[in-house]
Amino acid sequence: MAIKKDTKKDLRKNKAMLAYGIIQLGSKVVSAFALVAIALGFCSLKKESDFFNECVEEIKATGSPTADSVRFCTGG
């Protein structure tokens, strides 16, 4: 009888450890995808920033003050 109880306890413990490992792995995968999404968001933000800076420089080249150039490029 003692052997069966120990075996059941070990089996239950092994299942719990397996579940813990799967949950741990799943959370790391979700974190990795979140970091990739954040990185891609920064790439598009950099492109938008470069476009805005080019717009401001182009309008400033026509002789407009910086404030007017920024207002024009933001759509105002």
PDB file of N, CA and C in Angstrom:
ATOM      1  N   MET A   1       0.805  -1.193   0.000  1.00  0.00           N
ATOM      2  CA  MET A   1       0.000   0.000   0.000  1.00  0.00           C
ATOM      3  C   MET A   1       0.854   1.267   0.000  1.00  0.00           C
ATOM      4  N   ALA A   2       1.943   1.261   0.707  1.00  0.00           N
ATOM      5  CA  ALA A   2       2.786   2.450   0.802  1.00  0.00           C
ATOM      6  C   ALA A   2       3.395   2.785  -0.549  1.00  0.00           C
ATOM      7  N   ILE A   3       3.692   1.751  -1.338  1.00  0.00           N
ATOM      8  CA  ILE A   3       4.294   1.984  -2.659  1.00  0.00           C
ATOM      9  C   ILE A   3       3.296   2.674  -3.579  1.00  0.00           C
ATOM     10  N   LYS A   4       2.045   2.292  -3.565  1.00  0.00           N
ATOM     11  CA  LYS A   4       1.030   2.904  -4.423  1.00  0.00           C
ATOM     12  C   LYS A   4       0.813   4.367  -4.054  1.00  0.00           C
ATOM     13  N   LYS A   5       0.791   4.686  -2.775  1.00  0.00           N
ATOM     14  CA  LYS A   5       0.593   6.068  -2.349  1.00  0.00           C
ATOM     15  C   LYS A   5       1.761   6.937  -2.806  1.00  0.00           C
ATOM     16  N   ASP A   6       2.977   6.434  -2.668  1.00  0.00           N
ATOM     17  CA  ASP A   6       4.149   7.190  -3.107  1.00  0.00           C
ATOM     18  C   ASP A   6       4.120   7.399  -4.612  1.00  0.00           C
ATOM     19  N   THR A   7       3.723   6.387  -5.362  1.00  0.00           N
ATOM     20  CA  THR A   7       3.654   6.487  -6.812  1.00  0.00           C
ATOM     21  C   THR A   7       2.620   7.522  -7.227  1.00  0.00           C
ATOM     22  N   LYS A   8       1.480   7.559  -6.561  1.00  0.00           N
ATOM     23  CA  LYS A   8       0.448   8.540  -6.878  1.00  0.00           C
ATOM     24  C   LYS A   8       0.928   9.958  -6.573  1.00  0.00           C
ATOM     25  N   LYS A   9       1.626  10.110  -5.456  1.00  0.00           N
ATOM     26  CA  LYS A   9       2.163  11.421  -5.096  1.00  0.00           C
ATOM     27  C   LYS A   9       3.196  11.877  -6.129  1.00  0.00           C
ATOM     28  N   ASP A  10       4.064  10.957  -6.560  1.00  0.00           N
ATOM     29  CA  ASP A  10       5.076  11.295  -7.554  1.00  0.00           C
ATOM     30  C   ASP A  10       4.428  11.652  -8.887  1.00  0.00           C
ATOM     31  N   LEU A  11       3.411  10.917  -9.276  1.00  0.00           N
ATOM     32  CA  LEU A  11       2.724  11.189 -10.533  1.00  0.00           C
ATOM     33  C   LEU A  11       2.045  12.553 -10.484  1.00  0.00           C
ATOM     34  N   ARG A  12       1.413  12.852  -9.364  1.00  0.00           N
ATOM     35  CA  ARG A  12       0.756  14.145  -9.206  1.00  0.00           C
ATOM     36  C   ARG A  12       1.788  15.278  -9.229  1.00  0.00           C
ATOM     37  N   LYS A  13       2.911  15.048  -8.575  1.00  0.00           N
ATOM     38  CA  LYS A  13       3.971  16.055  -8.533  1.00  0.00           C
ATOM     39  C   LYS A  13       4.551  16.259  -9.935  1.00  0.00           C
ATOM     40  N   ASN A  14       4.751  15.171 -10.688  1.00  0.00           N
ATOM     41  CA  ASN A  14       5.286  15.279 -12.043  1.00  0.00           C
ATOM     42  C   ASN A  14       4.331  16.037 -12.958  1.00  0.00           C
ATOM     43  N   LYS A  15       3.032  15.790 -12.819  1.00  0.00           N
ATOM     44  CA  LYS A  15       2.039  16.512 -13.625  1.00  0.00           C
ATOM     45  C   LYS A  15       2.061  18.003 -13.294  1.00  0.00           C
ATOM     46  N   ALA A  16       2.189  18.309 -12.015  1.00  0.00           N
ATOM     47  CA  ALA A  16       2.231  19.712 -11.599  1.00  0.00           C
ATOM     48  C   ALA A  16       3.481  20.396 -12.156  1.00  0.00           C
ATOM     49  N   MET A  17       4.597  19.731 -12.112  1.00  0.00           N
ATOM     50  CA  MET A  17       5.841  20.302 -12.639  1.00  0.00           C
ATOM     51  C   MET A  17       5.759  20.486 -14.150  1.00  0.00           C
ATOM     52  N   LEU A  18       5.136  19.539 -14.841  1.00  0.00           N
ATOM     53  CA  LEU A  18       4.966  19.649 -16.291  1.00  0.00           C
ATOM     54  C   LEU A  18       4.067  20.836 -16.629  1.00  0.00           C
ATOM     55  N   ALA A  19       2.972  20.978 -15.902  1.00  0.00           N
ATOM     56  CA  ALA A  19       2.066  22.107 -16.123  1.00  0.00           C
ATOM     57  C   ALA A  19       2.784  23.426 -15.860  1.00  0.00           C
ATOM     58  N   TYR A  20       3.565  23.469 -14.805  1.00  0.00           N
ATOM     59  CA  TYR A  20       4.334  24.680 -14.484  1.00  0.00           C
ATOM     60  C   TYR A  20       5.306  25.014 -15.609  1.00  0.00           C
ATOM     61  N   GLY A  21       5.992  24.015 -16.125  1.00  0.00           N
ATOM     62  CA  GLY A  21       6.943  24.236 -17.222  1.00  0.00           C
ATOM     63  C   GLY A  21       6.267  24.736 -18.483  1.00  0.00           C
ATOM     64  N   ILE A  22       5.111  24.174 -18.796  1.00  0.00           N
ATOM     65  CA  ILE A  22       4.379  24.603 -19.991  1.00  0.00           C
ATOM     66  C   ILE A  22       3.900  26.042 -19.834  1.00  0.00           C
ATOM     67  N   ILE A  23       3.393  26.381 -18.671  1.00  0.00           N
ATOM     68  CA  ILE A  23       2.947  27.755 -18.414  1.00  0.00           C
ATOM     69  C   ILE A  23       4.127  28.720 -18.504  1.00  0.00           C
ATOM     70  N   GLN A  24       5.253  28.329 -17.958  1.00  0.00           N
ATOM     71  CA  GLN A  24       6.456  29.163 -17.992  1.00  0.00           C
ATOM     72  C   GLN A  24       6.902  29.398 -19.436  1.00  0.00           C
ATOM     73  N   LEU A  25       6.930  28.337 -20.218  1.00  0.00           N
ATOM     74  CA  LEU A  25       7.324  28.444 -21.623  1.00  0.00           C
ATOM     75  C   LEU A  25       6.340  29.309 -22.398  1.00  0.00           C
ATOM     76  N   GLY A  26       5.057  29.122 -22.146  1.00  0.00           N
ATOM     77  CA  GLY A  26       4.035  29.922 -22.821  1.00  0.00           C
ATOM     78  C   GLY A  26       4.171  31.403 -22.520  1.00  0.00           C
ATOM     79  N   SER A  27       4.449  31.735 -21.283  1.00  0.00           N
ATOM     80  CA  SER A  27       4.590  33.143 -20.926  1.00  0.00           C
ATOM     81  C   SER A  27       5.829  33.756 -21.574  1.00  0.00           C
ATOM     82  N   LYS A  28       6.882  32.980 -21.731  1.00  0.00           N
ATOM     83  CA  LYS A  28       8.086  33.499 -22.399  1.00  0.00           C
ATOM     84  C   LYS A  28       7.826  33.731 -23.886  1.00  0.00           C
ATOM     85  N   VAL A  29       7.042  32.864 -24.505  1.00  0.00           N
ATOM     86  CA  VAL A  29       6.703  33.041 -25.919  1.00  0.00           C
ATOM     87  C   VAL A  29       5.855  34.301 -26.103  1.00  0.00           C
ATOM     88  N   VAL A  30       4.887  34.503 -25.221  1.00  0.00           N
ATOM     89  CA  VAL A  30       4.048  35.706 -25.295  1.00  0.00           C
ATOM     90  C   VAL A  30       4.905  36.958 -25.104  1.00  0.00           C
ATOM     91  N   SER A  31       5.844  36.917 -24.181  1.00  0.00           N
ATOM     92  CA  SER A  31       6.727  38.054 -23.948  1.00  0.00           C
ATOM     93  C   SER A  31       7.589  38.346 -25.177  1.00  0.00           C
ATOM     94  N   ALA A  32       8.071  37.300 -25.822  1.00  0.00           N
ATOM     95  CA  ALA A  32       8.895  37.486 -27.017  1.00  0.00           C
ATOM     96  C   ALA A  32       8.084  38.152 -28.132  1.00  0.00           C
ATOM     97  N   PHE A  33       6.846  37.699 -28.331  1.00  0.00           N
ATOM     98  CA  PHE A  33       5.999  38.317 -29.354  1.00  0.00           C
ATOM     99  C   PHE A  33       5.707  39.775 -29.016  1.00  0.00           C
ATOM    100  N   ALA A  34       5.504  40.073 -27.745  1.00  0.00           N
ATOM    101  CA  ALA A  34       5.240  41.454 -27.336  1.00  0.00           C
ATOM    102  C   ALA A  34       6.445  42.344 -27.622  1.00  0.00           C
ATOM    103  N   LEU A  35       7.640  41.839 -27.349  1.00  0.00           N
ATOM    104  CA  LEU A  35       8.843  42.619 -27.632  1.00  0.00           C
ATOM    105  C   LEU A  35       9.031  42.861 -29.125  1.00  0.00           C
ATOM    106  N   VAL A  36       8.709  41.871 -29.942  1.00  0.00           N
ATOM    107  CA  VAL A  36       8.789  42.048 -31.393  1.00  0.00           C
ATOM    108  C   VAL A  36       7.797  43.110 -31.850  1.00  0.00           C
ATOM    109  N   ALA A  37       6.591  43.079 -31.313  1.00  0.00           N
ATOM    110  CA  ALA A  37       5.582  44.074 -31.676  1.00  0.00           C
ATOM    111  C   ALA A  37       6.026  45.481 -31.284  1.00  0.00           C
ATOM    112  N   ILE A  38       6.624  45.616 -30.119  1.00  0.00           N
ATOM    113  CA  ILE A  38       7.127  46.919 -29.677  1.00  0.00           C
ATOM    114  C   ILE A  38       8.241  47.400 -30.592  1.00  0.00           C
ATOM    115  N   ALA A  39       9.154  46.503 -30.960  1.00  0.00           N
ATOM    116  CA  ALA A  39      10.256  46.880 -31.850  1.00  0.00           C
ATOM    117  C   ALA A  39       9.736  47.332 -33.207  1.00  0.00           C
ATOM    118  N   LEU A  40       8.750  46.640 -33.748  1.00  0.00           N
ATOM    119  CA  LEU A  40       8.174  47.038 -35.030  1.00  0.00           C
ATOM    120  C   LEU A  40       7.480  48.387 -34.919  1.00  0.00           C
ATOM    121  N   GLY A  41       6.874  48.656 -33.784  1.00  0.00           N
ATOM    122  CA  GLY A  41       6.252  49.958 -33.559  1.00  0.00           C
ATOM    123  C   GLY A  41       7.275  51.074 -33.559  1.00  0.00           C
ATOM    124  N   PHE A  42       8.456  50.830 -32.988  1.00  0.00           N
ATOM    125  CA  PHE A  42       9.504  51.841 -32.999  1.00  0.00           C
ATOM    126  C   PHE A  42      10.025  52.086 -34.413  1.00  0.00           C
ATOM    127  N   CYS A  43      10.066  51.049 -35.239  1.00  0.00           N
ATOM    128  CA  CYS A  43      10.532  51.223 -36.621  1.00  0.00           C
ATOM    129  C   CYS A  43       9.600  52.156 -37.382  1.00  0.00           C
ATOM    130  N   SER A  44       8.301  51.968 -37.252  1.00  0.00           N
ATOM    131  CA  SER A  44       7.357  52.839 -37.963  1.00  0.00           C
ATOM    132  C   SER A  44       7.402  54.253 -37.390  1.00  0.00           C
ATOM    133  N   LEU A  45       7.629  54.382 -36.095  1.00  0.00           N
ATOM    134  CA  LEU A  45       7.736  55.696 -35.474  1.00  0.00           C
ATOM    135  C   LEU A  45       8.960  56.431 -36.005  1.00  0.00           C
ATOM    136  N   LYS A  46      10.064  55.717 -36.206  1.00  0.00           N
ATOM    137  CA  LYS A  46      11.279  56.329 -36.746  1.00  0.00           C
ATOM    138  C   LYS A  46      11.050  56.812 -38.173  1.00  0.00           C
ATOM    139  N   LYS A  47      10.345  56.017 -38.982  1.00  0.00           N
ATOM    140  CA  LYS A  47      10.054  56.432 -40.354  1.00  0.00           C
ATOM    141  C   LYS A  47       9.199  57.689 -40.368  1.00  0.00           C
ATOM    142  N   GLU A  48       8.193  57.729 -39.490  1.00  0.00           N
ATOM    143  CA  GLU A  48       7.316  58.893 -39.414  1.00  0.00           C
ATOM    144  C   GLU A  48       8.097  60.125 -38.972  1.00  0.00           C
ATOM    145  N   SER A  49       9.002  59.948 -38.032  1.00  0.00           N
ATOM    146  CA  SER A  49       9.826  61.054 -37.549  1.00  0.00           C
ATOM    147  C   SER A  49      10.737  61.582 -38.662  1.00  0.00           C
ATOM    148  N   ASP A  50      11.346  60.671 -39.419  1.00  0.00           N
ATOM    149  CA  ASP A  50      12.198  61.089 -40.537  1.00  0.00           C
ATOM    150  C   ASP A  50      11.398  61.868 -41.574  1.00  0.00           C
ATOM    151  N   PHE A  51      10.192  61.399 -41.885  1.00  0.00           N
ATOM    152  CA  PHE A  51       9.336  62.087 -42.847  1.00  0.00           C
ATOM    153  C   PHE A  51       8.983  63.489 -42.346  1.00  0.00           C
ATOM    154  N   PHE A  52       8.642  63.602 -41.054  1.00  0.00           N
ATOM    155  CA  PHE A  52       8.294  64.898 -40.478  1.00  0.00           C
ATOM    156  C   PHE A  52       9.480  65.855 -40.543  1.00  0.00           C
ATOM    157  N   ASN A  53      10.682  65.373 -40.190  1.00  0.00           N
ATOM    158  CA  ASN A  53      11.866  66.225 -40.230  1.00  0.00           C
ATOM    159  C   ASN A  53      12.159  66.704 -41.646  1.00  0.00           C
ATOM    160  N   GLU A  54      12.006  65.823 -42.635  1.00  0.00           N
ATOM    161  CA  GLU A  54      12.209  66.216 -44.022  1.00  0.00           C
ATOM    162  C   GLU A  54      11.208  67.292 -44.428  1.00  0.00           C
ATOM    163  N   CYS A  55       9.962  67.134 -44.008  1.00  0.00           N
ATOM    164  CA  CYS A  55       8.919  68.109 -44.323  1.00  0.00           C
ATOM    165  C   CYS A  55       9.272  69.474 -43.740  1.00  0.00           C
ATOM    166  N   VAL A  56       9.678  69.504 -42.479  1.00  0.00           N
ATOM    167  CA  VAL A  56      10.022  70.772 -41.823  1.00  0.00           C
ATOM    168  C   VAL A  56      11.194  71.430 -42.528  1.00  0.00           C
ATOM    169  N   GLU A  57      12.220  70.655 -42.839  1.00  0.00           N
ATOM    170  CA  GLU A  57      13.391  71.229 -43.519  1.00  0.00           C
ATOM    171  C   GLU A  57      13.017  71.774 -44.895  1.00  0.00           C
ATOM    172  N   GLU A  58      12.148  71.071 -45.593  1.00  0.00           N
ATOM    173  CA  GLU A  58      11.738  71.519 -46.927  1.00  0.00           C
ATOM    174  C   GLU A  58      10.960  72.838 -46.856  1.00  0.00           C
ATOM    175  N   ILE A  59      10.066  72.953 -45.891  1.00  0.00           N
ATOM    176  CA  ILE A  59       9.288  74.184 -45.750  1.00  0.00           C
ATOM    177  C   ILE A  59      10.168  75.325 -45.249  1.00  0.00           C
ATOM    178  N   LYS A  60      11.119  75.019 -44.352  1.00  0.00           N
ATOM    179  CA  LYS A  60      12.037  76.053 -43.874  1.00  0.00           C
ATOM    180  C   LYS A  60      12.900  76.572 -45.009  1.00  0.00           C
ATOM    181  N   ALA A  61      13.210  75.729 -45.981  1.00  0.00           N
ATOM    182  CA  ALA A  61      14.048  76.133 -47.109  1.00  0.00           C
ATOM    183  C   ALA A  61      13.348  77.183 -47.971  1.00  0.00           C
ATOM    184  N   THR A  62      12.036  77.246 -47.901  1.00  0.00           N
ATOM    185  CA  THR A  62      11.302  78.249 -48.677  1.00  0.00           C
ATOM    186  C   THR A  62      11.309  79.604 -47.987  1.00  0.00           C
ATOM    187  N   GLY A  63      11.862  79.685 -46.775  1.00  0.00           N
ATOM    188  CA  GLY A  63      11.957  80.950 -46.060  1.00  0.00           C
ATOM    189  C   GLY A  63      10.967  81.101 -44.925  1.00  0.00           C
ATOM    190  N   SER A  64      10.156  80.103 -44.668  1.00  0.00           N
ATOM    191  CA  SER A  64       9.188  80.174 -43.568  1.00  0.00           C
ATOM    192  C   SER A  64       9.898  79.981 -42.236  1.00  0.00           C
ATOM    193  N   PRO A  65       9.395  80.621 -41.183  1.00  0.00           N
ATOM    194  CA  PRO A  65       9.974  80.380 -39.852  1.00  0.00           C
ATOM    195  C   PRO A  65       9.714  78.938 -39.405  1.00  0.00           C
ATOM    196  N   THR A  66      10.488  78.496 -38.446  1.00  0.00           N
ATOM    197  CA  THR A  66      10.380  77.118 -37.966  1.00  0.00           C
ATOM    198  C   THR A  66       8.982  76.811 -37.439  1.00  0.00           C
ATOM    199  N   ALA A  67       8.397  77.720 -36.689  1.00  0.00           N
ATOM    200  CA  ALA A  67       7.065  77.485 -36.113  1.00  0.00           C
ATOM    201  C   ALA A  67       6.030  77.277 -37.218  1.00  0.00           C
ATOM    202  N   ASP A  68       6.103  78.084 -38.278  1.00  0.00           N
ATOM    203  CA  ASP A  68       5.167  77.915 -39.388  1.00  0.00           C
ATOM    204  C   ASP A  68       5.411  76.599 -40.121  1.00  0.00           C
ATOM    205  N   SER A  69       6.675  76.219 -40.245  1.00  0.00           N
ATOM    206  CA  SER A  69       7.005  74.946 -40.906  1.00  0.00           C
ATOM    207  C   SER A  69       6.427  73.777 -40.135  1.00  0.00           C
ATOM    208  N   VAL A  70       6.578  73.798 -38.826  1.00  0.00           N
ATOM    209  CA  VAL A  70       6.056  72.713 -37.987  1.00  0.00           C
ATOM    210  C   VAL A  70       4.534  72.689 -38.067  1.00  0.00           C
ATOM    211  N   ARG A  71       3.906  73.843 -38.015  1.00  0.00           N
ATOM    212  CA  ARG A  71       2.452  73.915 -38.092  1.00  0.00           C
ATOM    213  C   ARG A  71       1.971  73.346 -39.423  1.00  0.00           C
ATOM    214  N   PHE A  72       2.644  73.681 -40.507  1.00  0.00           N
ATOM    215  CA  PHE A  72       2.261  73.164 -41.827  1.00  0.00           C
ATOM    216  C   PHE A  72       2.397  71.647 -41.876  1.00  0.00           C
ATOM    217  N   CYS A  73       3.494  71.130 -41.369  1.00  0.00           N
ATOM    218  CA  CYS A  73       3.761  69.692 -41.449  1.00  0.00           C
ATOM    219  C   CYS A  73       2.861  68.854 -40.545  1.00  0.00           C
ATOM    220  N   THR A  74       2.335  69.463 -39.476  1.00  0.00           N
ATOM    221  CA  THR A  74       1.404  68.729 -38.610  1.00  0.00           C
ATOM    222  C   THR A  74      -0.018  68.845 -39.103  1.00  0.00           C
ATOM    223  N   GLY A  75      -0.232  69.587 -40.143  1.00  0.00           N
ATOM    224  CA  GLY A  75      -1.568  69.702 -40.732  1.00  0.00           C
ATOM    225  C   GLY A  75      -2.366  70.862 -40.188  1.00  0.00           C
ATOM    226  N   GLY A  76      -1.710  71.776 -39.476  1.00  0.00           N
ATOM    227  CA  GLY A  76      -2.443  72.872 -38.857  1.00  0.00           C
ATOM    228  C   GLY A  76      -2.447  74.127 -39.606  1.00  0.00           C
TER     229      GLY A  76
END
